[in-house]
Amino acid sequence: MPESPTDEEAEGARAHLDYCTRLRDEGALILAGRTHEPPFVGVLIFEAQSREDAERIVARDPGVAGGFFNARVQAYRVALQR
């Protein structure tokens, strides 16, 4: 996402945030955020039953489906936690 998004890009980001909020409210999303300096990188950590389920969750993200964000699914396991 550029620092000065177009109206279309801003709408894609809003739809993405709404989707993430729904995932959180449904209990699937654990953590979401992004860096505040270039290169901008966002991270979503969510719980899924399988890799295929995780890929479906990502594919349904309007920010990804709309081409505003690129996404890559990777398995993750917490090693340490505060």
Protein backbone atom coordinates (compact mmCIF):
# COMPACT_ATOMS: atom_id res chain seq x y z
CA MET A 1 0.00 0.00 0.00
CA PRO A 2 1.51 3.33 -1.01
CA GLU A 3 1.92 6.15 1.49
CA SER A 4 -0.57 8.27 -0.48
CA PRO A 5 -3.21 5.76 -1.65
CA THR A 6 -5.77 6.50 -4.32
CA ASP A 7 -9.43 6.45 -3.32
CA GLU A 8 -9.68 2.93 -4.75
CA GLU A 9 -6.64 1.75 -2.78
CA ALA A 10 -7.98 3.35 0.40
CA GLU A 11 -11.32 1.55 -0.11
CA GLY A 12 -9.45 -1.73 -0.61
CA ALA A 13 -7.58 -1.15 2.65
CA ARG A 14 -10.86 -0.38 4.48
CA ALA A 15 -12.44 -3.58 3.13
CA HIS A 16 -9.33 -5.49 4.26
CA LEU A 17 -9.57 -4.00 7.76
CA ASP A 18 -13.29 -4.83 7.94
CA TYR A 19 -12.48 -8.42 6.93
CA CYS A 20 -9.75 -8.65 9.58
CA THR A 21 -12.17 -7.28 12.17
CA ARG A 22 -14.69 -10.00 11.26
CA LEU A 23 -11.97 -12.66 11.58
CA ARG A 24 -11.11 -11.28 15.02
CA ASP A 25 -14.74 -11.19 16.11
CA GLU A 26 -15.19 -14.80 14.94
CA GLY A 27 -12.16 -15.80 17.02
CA ALA A 28 -9.86 -16.76 14.13
CA LEU A 29 -7.57 -13.71 14.07
CA ILE A 30 -4.91 -13.64 16.76
CA LEU A 31 -2.84 -10.63 15.69
CA ALA A 32 -2.69 -8.17 12.80
CA GLY A 33 -0.49 -5.21 12.05
CA ARG A 34 2.00 -3.64 9.69
CA THR A 35 5.29 -1.87 9.69
CA HIS A 36 5.28 1.93 9.70
CA GLU A 37 8.28 2.44 7.46
CA PRO A 38 9.23 1.16 4.03
CA PRO A 39 9.13 -1.48 2.89
CA PHE A 40 5.62 -1.71 4.34
CA VAL A 41 4.86 -5.26 5.44
CA GLY A 42 1.66 -6.50 7.03
CA VAL A 43 1.34 -9.61 9.16
CA LEU A 44 -1.81 -11.52 10.03
CA ILE A 45 -1.61 -14.40 12.45
CA PHE A 46 -4.77 -16.46 12.55
CA GLU A 47 -5.86 -19.94 13.47
CA ALA A 48 -6.97 -22.32 10.72
CA GLN A 49 -7.75 -26.02 10.73
CA SER A 50 -5.48 -26.74 7.75
CA ARG A 51 -3.24 -25.04 5.22
CA GLU A 52 -6.09 -25.20 2.71
CA ASP A 53 -8.37 -23.40 5.17
CA ALA A 54 -5.68 -20.76 5.72
CA GLU A 55 -5.33 -20.27 1.97
CA ARG A 56 -9.12 -19.86 1.64
CA ILE A 57 -9.14 -17.27 4.42
CA VAL A 58 -6.41 -15.30 2.64
CA ALA A 59 -8.06 -15.65 -0.79
CA ARG A 60 -11.33 -14.23 0.60
CA ASP A 61 -9.59 -11.13 1.94
CA PRO A 62 -10.92 -8.28 -0.23
CA GLY A 63 -7.53 -6.55 -0.12
CA VAL A 64 -5.88 -9.63 -1.60
CA ALA A 65 -8.75 -10.54 -3.95
CA GLY A 66 -8.85 -6.93 -5.20
CA GLY A 67 -5.12 -6.94 -5.96
CA PHE A 68 -4.27 -4.27 -3.37
CA PHE A 69 -2.10 -6.60 -1.29
CA ASN A 70 0.08 -9.60 -2.02
CA ALA A 71 -0.14 -12.49 0.42
CA ARG A 72 1.81 -15.60 1.29
CA VAL A 73 0.60 -18.30 3.68
CA GLN A 74 3.19 -19.72 6.05
CA ALA A 75 2.72 -22.02 9.02
CA TYR A 76 3.67 -20.41 12.33
CA ARG A 77 4.17 -21.67 15.85
CA VAL A 78 4.85 -19.56 18.92
CA ALA A 79 8.18 -20.38 20.56
CA LEU A 80 8.07 -17.73 23.32
CA GLN A 81 5.34 -15.47 24.55
CA ARG A 82 5.29 -12.65 27.04
